């Protein structure tokens, strides 16, 4: 348990990403790490909450789903981004509805990550929300929605993809054309 406390202390010190060695250590610890990471996600500093969400993604433990879903409403947008990433990486279809709600976040980076997460999950229930996001004012959000639509196997995606394949933004246009 002393090792776990030391590892969790590191979570507050890491600035941008959870280092691979830290993730490996947490995965080896297993269940005990999940409990401690959930505590960090609920009660930690912004940085600790971000890192806890990212680490929980790699552990893929079902106990994290409810906490990560709550973290989609965290006051800090970077925590919301990491929570959306984690839910998408875990890939559980229970995350689809909360991620769909996150498509309306006021922060573009959060919307972008929510769209990517929905694409990774690949549930056709996400198609309507992703189609709406194709018309987002932020080009990167639109790009993320287009990429996500390419992973959701549904014919309803064809018309919006055809529309943006003729658009002005090169990366969006090319992403749409790659699947048509």
N, C-alpha and C. Protein backbone atom coordinates (compact mmCIF):
# COMPACT_ATOMS: atom_id res chain seq x y z
N UNK A 1 0.81 -1.19 0.00
CA UNK A 1 0.00 0.00 0.00
C UNK A 1 0.86 1.26 0.00
N UNK A 2 2.07 1.19 0.57
CA UNK A 2 2.96 2.35 0.53
C UNK A 2 3.34 2.69 -0.90
N UNK A 3 3.55 1.65 -1.73
CA UNK A 3 3.85 1.89 -3.14
C UNK A 3 2.70 2.60 -3.82
N UNK A 4 1.48 2.18 -3.50
CA UNK A 4 0.30 2.79 -4.09
C UNK A 4 0.21 4.26 -3.69
N UNK A 5 0.44 4.57 -2.43
CA UNK A 5 0.40 5.95 -1.99
C UNK A 5 1.44 6.79 -2.73
N UNK A 6 2.63 6.23 -2.93
CA UNK A 6 3.68 6.94 -3.68
C UNK A 6 3.29 7.18 -5.12
N UNK A 7 2.70 6.18 -5.73
CA UNK A 7 2.27 6.31 -7.12
C UNK A 7 1.17 7.36 -7.24
N UNK A 8 0.23 7.34 -6.33
CA UNK A 8 -0.85 8.32 -6.39
C UNK A 8 -0.35 9.73 -6.12
N UNK A 9 0.68 9.86 -5.31
CA UNK A 9 1.29 11.17 -5.09
C UNK A 9 1.86 11.69 -6.40
N UNK A 10 2.42 10.80 -7.19
CA UNK A 10 2.97 11.19 -8.50
C UNK A 10 1.89 11.74 -9.42
N UNK A 11 0.66 11.25 -9.25
CA UNK A 11 -0.43 11.74 -10.10
C UNK A 11 -0.56 13.26 -10.01
N UNK A 12 -0.37 13.81 -8.85
CA UNK A 12 -0.47 15.24 -8.68
C UNK A 12 0.72 16.00 -9.22
N UNK A 13 1.81 15.30 -9.54
CA UNK A 13 3.02 15.95 -10.02
C UNK A 13 3.16 15.92 -11.54
N UNK A 14 2.45 15.01 -12.17
CA UNK A 14 2.56 14.86 -13.61
C UNK A 14 1.80 16.01 -14.28
N UNK A 15 2.40 16.64 -15.28
CA UNK A 15 1.79 17.83 -15.85
C UNK A 15 0.84 17.52 -17.00
N UNK A 16 1.26 16.79 -18.01
CA UNK A 16 0.41 16.66 -19.19
C UNK A 16 -0.19 15.28 -19.41
N UNK A 17 0.56 14.23 -19.24
CA UNK A 17 0.06 12.90 -19.56
C UNK A 17 0.53 11.90 -18.53
N UNK A 18 -0.23 10.84 -18.39
CA UNK A 18 0.17 9.78 -17.47
C UNK A 18 1.29 9.00 -18.14
N UNK A 19 2.47 8.99 -17.54
CA UNK A 19 3.58 8.27 -18.16
C UNK A 19 3.29 6.77 -18.23
N UNK A 20 3.84 6.14 -19.23
CA UNK A 20 3.60 4.73 -19.47
C UNK A 20 3.99 3.89 -18.26
N UNK A 21 5.11 4.18 -17.63
CA UNK A 21 5.54 3.40 -16.47
C UNK A 21 4.56 3.52 -15.31
N UNK A 22 3.99 4.69 -15.12
CA UNK A 22 3.00 4.88 -14.07
C UNK A 22 1.75 4.05 -14.36
N UNK A 23 1.33 4.04 -15.60
CA UNK A 23 0.17 3.25 -15.99
C UNK A 23 0.44 1.77 -15.76
N UNK A 24 1.62 1.31 -16.18
CA UNK A 24 1.98 -0.10 -15.98
C UNK A 24 1.94 -0.45 -14.49
N UNK A 25 2.47 0.42 -13.66
CA UNK A 25 2.46 0.17 -12.21
C UNK A 25 1.04 0.09 -11.68
N UNK A 26 0.18 0.99 -12.12
CA UNK A 26 -1.20 0.98 -11.66
C UNK A 26 -1.95 -0.26 -12.13
N UNK A 27 -1.70 -0.68 -13.36
CA UNK A 27 -2.33 -1.89 -13.89
C UNK A 27 -1.89 -3.10 -13.08
N UNK A 28 -0.62 -3.17 -12.72
CA UNK A 28 -0.13 -4.29 -11.92
C UNK A 28 -0.75 -4.30 -10.53
N UNK A 29 -0.97 -3.12 -9.97
CA UNK A 29 -1.60 -3.05 -8.65
C UNK A 29 -3.06 -3.51 -8.74
N UNK A 30 -3.73 -3.16 -9.82
CA UNK A 30 -5.07 -3.65 -10.07
C UNK A 30 -6.15 -2.98 -9.25
N UNK A 31 -6.99 -3.79 -8.60
CA UNK A 31 -8.17 -3.31 -7.89
C UNK A 31 -7.91 -2.24 -6.86
N UNK A 32 -6.85 -2.37 -6.10
CA UNK A 32 -6.51 -1.35 -5.10
C UNK A 32 -6.28 0.00 -5.77
N UNK A 33 -5.66 -0.02 -6.93
CA UNK A 33 -5.40 1.23 -7.65
C UNK A 33 -6.69 1.88 -8.09
N UNK A 34 -7.67 1.08 -8.50
CA UNK A 34 -8.94 1.64 -8.95
C UNK A 34 -9.60 2.41 -7.82
N UNK A 35 -9.65 1.82 -6.64
CA UNK A 35 -10.27 2.51 -5.51
C UNK A 35 -9.57 3.84 -5.22
N UNK A 36 -8.27 3.82 -5.20
CA UNK A 36 -7.51 5.04 -4.92
C UNK A 36 -7.68 6.07 -6.03
N UNK A 37 -7.71 5.61 -7.28
CA UNK A 37 -7.90 6.53 -8.40
C UNK A 37 -9.29 7.15 -8.38
N UNK A 38 -10.28 6.36 -7.98
CA UNK A 38 -11.64 6.91 -7.86
C UNK A 38 -11.68 8.00 -6.80
N UNK A 39 -10.97 7.78 -5.69
CA UNK A 39 -10.88 8.83 -4.67
C UNK A 39 -10.23 10.08 -5.25
N UNK A 40 -9.16 9.89 -6.02
CA UNK A 40 -8.48 11.04 -6.63
C UNK A 40 -9.39 11.75 -7.62
N UNK A 41 -10.19 10.99 -8.34
CA UNK A 41 -11.11 11.58 -9.32
C UNK A 41 -12.19 12.40 -8.63
N UNK A 42 -12.63 11.95 -7.47
CA UNK A 42 -13.66 12.69 -6.73
C UNK A 42 -13.10 13.85 -5.91
N UNK A 43 -11.93 13.65 -5.29
CA UNK A 43 -11.48 14.60 -4.27
C UNK A 43 -10.14 15.27 -4.57
N UNK A 44 -9.49 14.92 -5.65
CA UNK A 44 -8.15 15.44 -5.92
C UNK A 44 -8.16 16.84 -6.51
N UNK A 45 -6.95 17.35 -6.69
CA UNK A 45 -6.78 18.62 -7.38
C UNK A 45 -7.17 18.44 -8.84
N UNK A 46 -7.24 19.52 -9.58
CA UNK A 46 -7.58 19.41 -11.01
C UNK A 46 -6.60 18.47 -11.70
N UNK A 47 -5.32 18.65 -11.46
CA UNK A 47 -4.31 17.81 -12.11
C UNK A 47 -4.48 16.35 -11.71
N UNK A 48 -4.73 16.09 -10.43
CA UNK A 48 -4.91 14.72 -9.96
C UNK A 48 -6.16 14.11 -10.58
N UNK A 49 -7.25 14.90 -10.72
CA UNK A 49 -8.47 14.39 -11.34
C UNK A 49 -8.24 14.05 -12.81
N UNK A 50 -7.49 14.92 -13.50
CA UNK A 50 -7.16 14.64 -14.91
C UNK A 50 -6.38 13.34 -15.04
N UNK A 51 -5.35 13.19 -14.22
CA UNK A 51 -4.49 12.01 -14.30
C UNK A 51 -5.22 10.75 -13.85
N UNK A 52 -6.09 10.89 -12.86
CA UNK A 52 -6.86 9.73 -12.41
C UNK A 52 -7.78 9.25 -13.53
N UNK A 53 -8.44 10.17 -14.22
CA UNK A 53 -9.32 9.80 -15.33
C UNK A 53 -8.52 9.10 -16.43
N UNK A 54 -7.36 9.65 -16.76
CA UNK A 54 -6.53 9.03 -17.80
C UNK A 54 -6.07 7.64 -17.39
N UNK A 55 -5.66 7.48 -16.14
CA UNK A 55 -5.19 6.17 -15.67
C UNK A 55 -6.34 5.17 -15.64
N UNK A 56 -7.53 5.61 -15.25
CA UNK A 56 -8.68 4.70 -15.22
C UNK A 56 -9.02 4.18 -16.62
N UNK A 57 -8.73 4.97 -17.63
CA UNK A 57 -8.97 4.52 -19.01
C UNK A 57 -8.18 3.24 -19.29
N UNK A 58 -6.95 3.22 -18.86
CA UNK A 58 -6.08 2.08 -19.15
C UNK A 58 -6.40 0.86 -18.30
N UNK A 59 -6.99 1.08 -17.13
CA UNK A 59 -7.35 -0.03 -16.26
C UNK A 59 -8.62 -0.72 -16.74
N UNK A 60 -9.47 0.00 -17.46
CA UNK A 60 -10.72 -0.54 -18.03
C UNK A 60 -11.54 -1.31 -17.00
N UNK A 61 -11.71 -0.74 -15.84
CA UNK A 61 -12.47 -1.36 -14.77
C UNK A 61 -13.88 -0.78 -14.75
N UNK A 62 -14.89 -1.65 -14.74
CA UNK A 62 -16.28 -1.20 -14.79
C UNK A 62 -16.65 -0.31 -13.61
N UNK A 63 -15.96 -0.46 -12.49
CA UNK A 63 -16.26 0.38 -11.32
C UNK A 63 -16.01 1.85 -11.61
N UNK A 64 -15.23 2.15 -12.63
CA UNK A 64 -14.89 3.53 -12.95
C UNK A 64 -15.96 4.23 -13.77
N UNK A 65 -16.88 3.50 -14.38
CA UNK A 65 -17.84 4.10 -15.30
C UNK A 65 -18.68 5.21 -14.67
N UNK A 66 -19.23 4.96 -13.50
CA UNK A 66 -20.08 5.97 -12.86
C UNK A 66 -19.28 7.23 -12.51
N UNK A 67 -18.09 7.04 -11.97
CA UNK A 67 -17.26 8.19 -11.59
C UNK A 67 -16.82 8.98 -12.82
N UNK A 68 -16.46 8.29 -13.88
CA UNK A 68 -16.04 8.98 -15.10
C UNK A 68 -17.22 9.71 -15.74
N UNK A 69 -18.40 9.10 -15.66
CA UNK A 69 -19.60 9.76 -16.17
C UNK A 69 -19.86 11.05 -15.39
N UNK A 70 -19.71 11.00 -14.08
CA UNK A 70 -19.86 12.21 -13.27
C UNK A 70 -18.80 13.25 -13.63
N UNK A 71 -17.60 12.78 -13.93
CA UNK A 71 -16.50 13.69 -14.26
C UNK A 71 -16.75 14.44 -15.57
N UNK A 72 -17.67 13.96 -16.39
CA UNK A 72 -18.04 14.71 -17.60
C UNK A 72 -18.68 16.05 -17.25
N UNK A 73 -19.09 16.21 -15.99
CA UNK A 73 -19.69 17.46 -15.53
C UNK A 73 -18.75 18.23 -14.59
N UNK A 74 -17.49 17.82 -14.55
CA UNK A 74 -16.51 18.50 -13.69
C UNK A 74 -16.42 19.98 -14.09
N UNK A 75 -16.17 20.87 -13.13
CA UNK A 75 -16.05 22.29 -13.50
C UNK A 75 -14.85 22.59 -14.40
N UNK A 76 -13.84 21.74 -14.37
CA UNK A 76 -12.65 21.99 -15.19
C UNK A 76 -12.77 21.27 -16.53
N UNK A 77 -12.63 21.99 -17.65
CA UNK A 77 -12.79 21.35 -18.96
C UNK A 77 -11.75 20.27 -19.25
N UNK A 78 -10.54 20.40 -18.72
CA UNK A 78 -9.52 19.38 -18.99
C UNK A 78 -9.87 18.06 -18.31
N UNK A 79 -10.52 18.13 -17.16
CA UNK A 79 -10.99 16.91 -16.50
C UNK A 79 -12.09 16.28 -17.34
N UNK A 80 -12.98 17.12 -17.89
CA UNK A 80 -14.05 16.60 -18.76
C UNK A 80 -13.47 15.94 -20.01
N UNK A 81 -12.42 16.53 -20.57
CA UNK A 81 -11.75 15.94 -21.74
C UNK A 81 -11.20 14.56 -21.38
N UNK A 82 -10.50 14.46 -20.26
CA UNK A 82 -9.91 13.18 -19.86
C UNK A 82 -10.99 12.15 -19.54
N UNK A 83 -12.10 12.59 -18.94
CA UNK A 83 -13.19 11.66 -18.64
C UNK A 83 -13.80 11.12 -19.93
N UNK A 84 -14.00 11.99 -20.92
CA UNK A 84 -14.54 11.54 -22.21
C UNK A 84 -13.58 10.56 -22.88
N UNK A 85 -12.29 10.88 -22.85
CA UNK A 85 -11.28 9.97 -23.39
C UNK A 85 -11.39 8.60 -22.71
N UNK A 86 -11.43 8.61 -21.38
CA UNK A 86 -11.45 7.36 -20.62
C UNK A 86 -12.69 6.54 -20.96
N UNK A 87 -13.84 7.18 -21.01
CA UNK A 87 -15.07 6.45 -21.32
C UNK A 87 -15.01 5.85 -22.72
N UNK A 88 -14.48 6.59 -23.67
CA UNK A 88 -14.34 6.06 -25.02
C UNK A 88 -13.36 4.90 -25.08
N UNK A 89 -12.26 5.03 -24.36
CA UNK A 89 -11.23 4.00 -24.38
C UNK A 89 -11.72 2.72 -23.72
N UNK A 90 -12.50 2.88 -22.63
CA UNK A 90 -13.09 1.71 -21.97
C UNK A 90 -14.07 1.03 -22.91
N UNK A 91 -14.83 1.83 -23.66
CA UNK A 91 -15.66 1.29 -24.73
C UNK A 91 -16.99 0.70 -24.32
N UNK A 92 -17.44 0.97 -23.12
CA UNK A 92 -18.71 0.42 -22.64
C UNK A 92 -19.86 1.25 -23.21
N UNK A 93 -20.87 0.57 -23.76
CA UNK A 93 -22.00 1.27 -24.38
C UNK A 93 -22.83 2.06 -23.37
N UNK A 94 -22.68 1.80 -22.08
CA UNK A 94 -23.37 2.59 -21.06
C UNK A 94 -22.92 4.05 -21.09
N UNK A 95 -21.76 4.30 -21.66
CA UNK A 95 -21.22 5.67 -21.70
C UNK A 95 -21.81 6.49 -22.85
N UNK A 96 -22.54 5.87 -23.76
CA UNK A 96 -23.02 6.58 -24.95
C UNK A 96 -23.92 7.76 -24.57
N UNK A 97 -24.92 7.56 -23.76
CA UNK A 97 -25.85 8.65 -23.41
C UNK A 97 -25.13 9.83 -22.74
N UNK A 98 -24.31 9.58 -21.70
CA UNK A 98 -23.61 10.72 -21.10
C UNK A 98 -22.67 11.43 -22.08
N UNK A 99 -22.04 10.68 -22.97
CA UNK A 99 -21.17 11.30 -23.96
C UNK A 99 -21.98 12.12 -24.96
N UNK A 100 -23.16 11.64 -25.31
CA UNK A 100 -24.02 12.41 -26.21
C UNK A 100 -24.38 13.76 -25.58
N UNK A 101 -24.65 13.76 -24.28
CA UNK A 101 -24.92 15.02 -23.59
C UNK A 101 -23.71 15.95 -23.64
N UNK A 102 -22.53 15.36 -23.61
CA UNK A 102 -21.29 16.14 -23.60
C UNK A 102 -21.01 16.79 -24.96
N UNK A 103 -21.67 16.34 -26.00
CA UNK A 103 -21.50 16.96 -27.32
C UNK A 103 -21.97 18.41 -27.32
N UNK A 104 -22.69 18.82 -26.30
CA UNK A 104 -23.20 20.19 -26.21
C UNK A 104 -22.39 21.04 -25.22
N UNK A 105 -21.25 20.54 -24.78
CA UNK A 105 -20.39 21.29 -23.86
C UNK A 105 -19.98 22.61 -24.50
N UNK A 106 -19.78 23.65 -23.68
CA UNK A 106 -19.39 24.96 -24.22
C UNK A 106 -17.94 25.00 -24.68
N UNK A 107 -17.14 24.02 -24.28
CA UNK A 107 -15.72 24.00 -24.63
C UNK A 107 -15.50 23.05 -25.83
N UNK A 108 -14.92 23.59 -26.88
CA UNK A 108 -14.74 22.82 -28.12
C UNK A 108 -13.93 21.56 -27.90
N UNK A 109 -12.87 21.63 -27.11
CA UNK A 109 -12.02 20.45 -26.89
C UNK A 109 -12.80 19.31 -26.22
N UNK A 110 -13.73 19.66 -25.36
CA UNK A 110 -14.56 18.64 -24.71
C UNK A 110 -15.49 18.00 -25.74
N UNK A 111 -16.12 18.82 -26.57
CA UNK A 111 -16.99 18.29 -27.63
C UNK A 111 -16.20 17.39 -28.58
N UNK A 112 -15.00 17.83 -28.92
CA UNK A 112 -14.14 17.07 -29.82
C UNK A 112 -13.82 15.69 -29.24
N UNK A 113 -13.45 15.64 -27.96
CA UNK A 113 -13.10 14.36 -27.35
C UNK A 113 -14.33 13.48 -27.16
N UNK A 114 -15.47 14.08 -26.84
CA UNK A 114 -16.70 13.30 -26.71
C UNK A 114 -17.06 12.64 -28.04
N UNK A 115 -16.90 13.38 -29.13
CA UNK A 115 -17.17 12.81 -30.45
C UNK A 115 -16.21 11.65 -30.75
N UNK A 116 -14.94 11.86 -30.47
CA UNK A 116 -13.97 10.79 -30.69
C UNK A 116 -14.32 9.56 -29.87
N UNK A 117 -14.69 9.77 -28.62
CA UNK A 117 -15.05 8.65 -27.73
C UNK A 117 -16.25 7.89 -28.28
N UNK A 118 -17.24 8.61 -28.76
CA UNK A 118 -18.41 7.94 -29.35
C UNK A 118 -18.02 7.14 -30.58
N UNK A 119 -17.09 7.66 -31.36
CA UNK A 119 -16.60 6.91 -32.52
C UNK A 119 -15.89 5.63 -32.10
N UNK A 120 -15.10 5.69 -31.03
CA UNK A 120 -14.40 4.49 -30.55
C UNK A 120 -15.39 3.43 -30.07
N UNK A 121 -16.47 3.89 -29.43
CA UNK A 121 -17.48 2.94 -28.95
C UNK A 121 -18.23 2.35 -30.14
N UNK A 122 -18.53 3.18 -31.13
CA UNK A 122 -19.13 2.70 -32.38
C UNK A 122 -20.59 2.31 -32.29
N UNK A 123 -21.32 2.80 -31.32
CA UNK A 123 -22.73 2.46 -31.16
C UNK A 123 -23.58 3.32 -32.09
N UNK A 124 -24.44 2.69 -32.90
CA UNK A 124 -25.30 3.46 -33.80
C UNK A 124 -26.23 4.44 -33.08
N UNK A 125 -26.45 4.28 -31.80
CA UNK A 125 -27.28 5.23 -31.04
C UNK A 125 -26.66 6.62 -31.04
N UNK A 126 -25.38 6.72 -31.33
CA UNK A 126 -24.68 8.01 -31.31
C UNK A 126 -24.81 8.76 -32.63
N UNK A 127 -25.37 8.15 -33.63
CA UNK A 127 -25.34 8.72 -34.98
C UNK A 127 -25.99 10.10 -35.05
N UNK A 128 -27.16 10.28 -34.44
CA UNK A 128 -27.86 11.56 -34.53
C UNK A 128 -27.03 12.70 -33.93
N UNK A 129 -26.48 12.48 -32.76
CA UNK A 129 -25.66 13.50 -32.11
C UNK A 129 -24.42 13.84 -32.92
N UNK A 130 -23.80 12.83 -33.49
CA UNK A 130 -22.61 13.06 -34.31
C UNK A 130 -22.95 13.80 -35.59
N UNK A 131 -24.10 13.50 -36.17
CA UNK A 131 -24.52 14.21 -37.38
C UNK A 131 -24.72 15.70 -37.07
N UNK A 132 -25.34 16.00 -35.93
CA UNK A 132 -25.51 17.40 -35.53
C UNK A 132 -24.17 18.10 -35.38
N UNK A 133 -23.20 17.37 -34.84
CA UNK A 133 -21.89 17.96 -34.56
C UNK A 133 -21.09 18.25 -35.83
N UNK A 134 -21.48 17.65 -36.93
CA UNK A 134 -20.81 17.91 -38.20
C UNK A 134 -20.93 19.39 -38.57
N UNK A 135 -21.92 20.06 -38.01
CA UNK A 135 -22.14 21.48 -38.31
C UNK A 135 -21.64 22.39 -37.20
N UNK A 136 -20.74 21.90 -36.35
CA UNK A 136 -20.20 22.70 -35.25
C UNK A 136 -19.40 23.88 -35.81
N UNK A 137 -19.36 24.98 -35.04
CA UNK A 137 -18.62 26.17 -35.49
C UNK A 137 -17.11 25.97 -35.42
N UNK A 138 -16.66 24.98 -34.68
CA UNK A 138 -15.22 24.71 -34.56
C UNK A 138 -14.84 23.61 -35.56
N UNK A 139 -13.89 23.91 -36.44
CA UNK A 139 -13.49 22.95 -37.48
C UNK A 139 -12.93 21.65 -36.91
N UNK A 140 -12.22 21.73 -35.78
CA UNK A 140 -11.66 20.52 -35.19
C UNK A 140 -12.75 19.64 -34.60
N UNK A 141 -13.79 20.24 -34.07
CA UNK A 141 -14.93 19.47 -33.57
C UNK A 141 -15.62 18.78 -34.74
N UNK A 142 -15.81 19.53 -35.83
CA UNK A 142 -16.41 18.94 -37.03
C UNK A 142 -15.58 17.77 -37.53
N UNK A 143 -14.27 17.97 -37.57
CA UNK A 143 -13.37 16.89 -38.01
C UNK A 143 -13.52 15.66 -37.12
N UNK A 144 -13.57 15.86 -35.82
CA UNK A 144 -13.71 14.75 -34.88
C UNK A 144 -15.04 14.03 -35.09
N UNK A 145 -16.11 14.80 -35.34
CA UNK A 145 -17.42 14.20 -35.60
C UNK A 145 -17.39 13.37 -36.88
N UNK A 146 -16.74 13.90 -37.92
CA UNK A 146 -16.63 13.16 -39.18
C UNK A 146 -15.85 11.87 -38.97
N UNK A 147 -14.74 11.95 -38.26
CA UNK A 147 -13.95 10.74 -37.97
C UNK A 147 -14.79 9.73 -37.20
N UNK A 148 -15.56 10.21 -36.22
CA UNK A 148 -16.40 9.32 -35.42
C UNK A 148 -17.46 8.65 -36.30
N UNK A 149 -18.05 9.43 -37.21
CA UNK A 149 -19.07 8.86 -38.09
C UNK A 149 -18.50 7.74 -38.96
N UNK A 150 -17.23 7.81 -39.28
CA UNK A 150 -16.63 6.75 -40.09
C UNK A 150 -16.52 5.44 -39.32
N UNK A 151 -16.61 5.52 -37.98
CA UNK A 151 -16.52 4.31 -37.16
C UNK A 151 -17.87 3.76 -36.75
N UNK A 152 -18.93 4.51 -37.01
CA UNK A 152 -20.27 4.06 -36.67
C UNK A 152 -20.91 3.55 -37.95
N UNK A 153 -21.18 2.29 -37.99
CA UNK A 153 -21.69 1.66 -39.20
C UNK A 153 -23.19 1.91 -39.32
N UNK A 154 -23.53 2.99 -40.03
CA UNK A 154 -24.94 3.37 -40.16
C UNK A 154 -25.09 4.18 -41.45
N UNK A 155 -26.06 3.82 -42.26
CA UNK A 155 -26.26 4.50 -43.54
C UNK A 155 -26.67 5.95 -43.37
N UNK A 156 -27.21 6.32 -42.19
CA UNK A 156 -27.61 7.71 -41.96
C UNK A 156 -26.41 8.65 -42.00
N UNK A 157 -25.21 8.12 -41.90
CA UNK A 157 -24.01 8.96 -41.92
C UNK A 157 -23.63 9.39 -43.34
N UNK A 158 -24.13 8.72 -44.35
CA UNK A 158 -23.70 8.97 -45.73
C UNK A 158 -24.01 10.39 -46.18
N UNK A 159 -25.24 10.86 -46.01
CA UNK A 159 -25.61 12.20 -46.50
C UNK A 159 -24.78 13.30 -45.82
N UNK A 160 -24.64 13.31 -44.49
CA UNK A 160 -23.81 14.36 -43.89
C UNK A 160 -22.35 14.27 -44.32
N UNK A 161 -21.85 13.05 -44.49
CA UNK A 161 -20.46 12.90 -44.95
C UNK A 161 -20.30 13.42 -46.37
N UNK A 162 -21.29 13.17 -47.22
CA UNK A 162 -21.23 13.70 -48.59
C UNK A 162 -21.24 15.23 -48.58
N UNK A 163 -22.05 15.80 -47.69
CA UNK A 163 -22.13 17.26 -47.60
C UNK A 163 -20.78 17.86 -47.20
N UNK A 164 -20.16 17.34 -46.16
CA UNK A 164 -18.89 17.93 -45.72
C UNK A 164 -17.73 17.54 -46.64
N UNK A 165 -17.92 16.52 -47.46
CA UNK A 165 -16.85 16.15 -48.40
C UNK A 165 -16.67 17.22 -49.47
N UNK A 166 -17.63 18.13 -49.58
CA UNK A 166 -17.54 19.24 -50.53
C UNK A 166 -17.25 20.56 -49.82
N UNK A 167 -16.95 20.49 -48.52
CA UNK A 167 -16.74 21.70 -47.71
C UNK A 167 -15.41 22.35 -47.95
N UNK A 168 -15.21 23.46 -47.26
CA UNK A 168 -14.03 24.29 -47.46
C UNK A 168 -12.82 23.84 -46.65
N UNK A 169 -13.03 23.12 -45.56
CA UNK A 169 -11.92 22.77 -44.67
C UNK A 169 -11.30 21.45 -45.15
N UNK A 170 -10.04 21.53 -45.54
CA UNK A 170 -9.37 20.40 -46.17
C UNK A 170 -9.42 19.13 -45.33
N UNK A 171 -9.02 19.19 -44.04
CA UNK A 171 -8.94 17.98 -43.22
C UNK A 171 -10.32 17.34 -43.06
N UNK A 172 -11.35 18.16 -42.95
CA UNK A 172 -12.72 17.65 -42.81
C UNK A 172 -13.14 17.00 -44.13
N UNK A 173 -12.90 17.71 -45.22
CA UNK A 173 -13.27 17.22 -46.55
C UNK A 173 -12.60 15.89 -46.84
N UNK A 174 -11.30 15.78 -46.54
CA UNK A 174 -10.56 14.56 -46.82
C UNK A 174 -10.97 13.40 -45.91
N UNK A 175 -11.27 13.71 -44.67
CA UNK A 175 -11.74 12.66 -43.74
C UNK A 175 -13.05 12.07 -44.24
N UNK A 176 -13.96 12.93 -44.69
CA UNK A 176 -15.25 12.46 -45.21
C UNK A 176 -15.06 11.66 -46.51
N UNK A 177 -14.22 12.16 -47.39
CA UNK A 177 -13.99 11.48 -48.66
C UNK A 177 -13.34 10.11 -48.49
N UNK A 178 -12.58 9.95 -47.42
CA UNK A 178 -11.87 8.67 -47.22
C UNK A 178 -12.80 7.50 -46.98
N UNK A 179 -14.04 7.78 -46.60
CA UNK A 179 -14.97 6.69 -46.34
C UNK A 179 -16.10 6.59 -47.36
N UNK A 180 -16.22 7.58 -48.21
CA UNK A 180 -17.31 7.54 -49.20
C UNK A 180 -16.93 6.75 -50.43
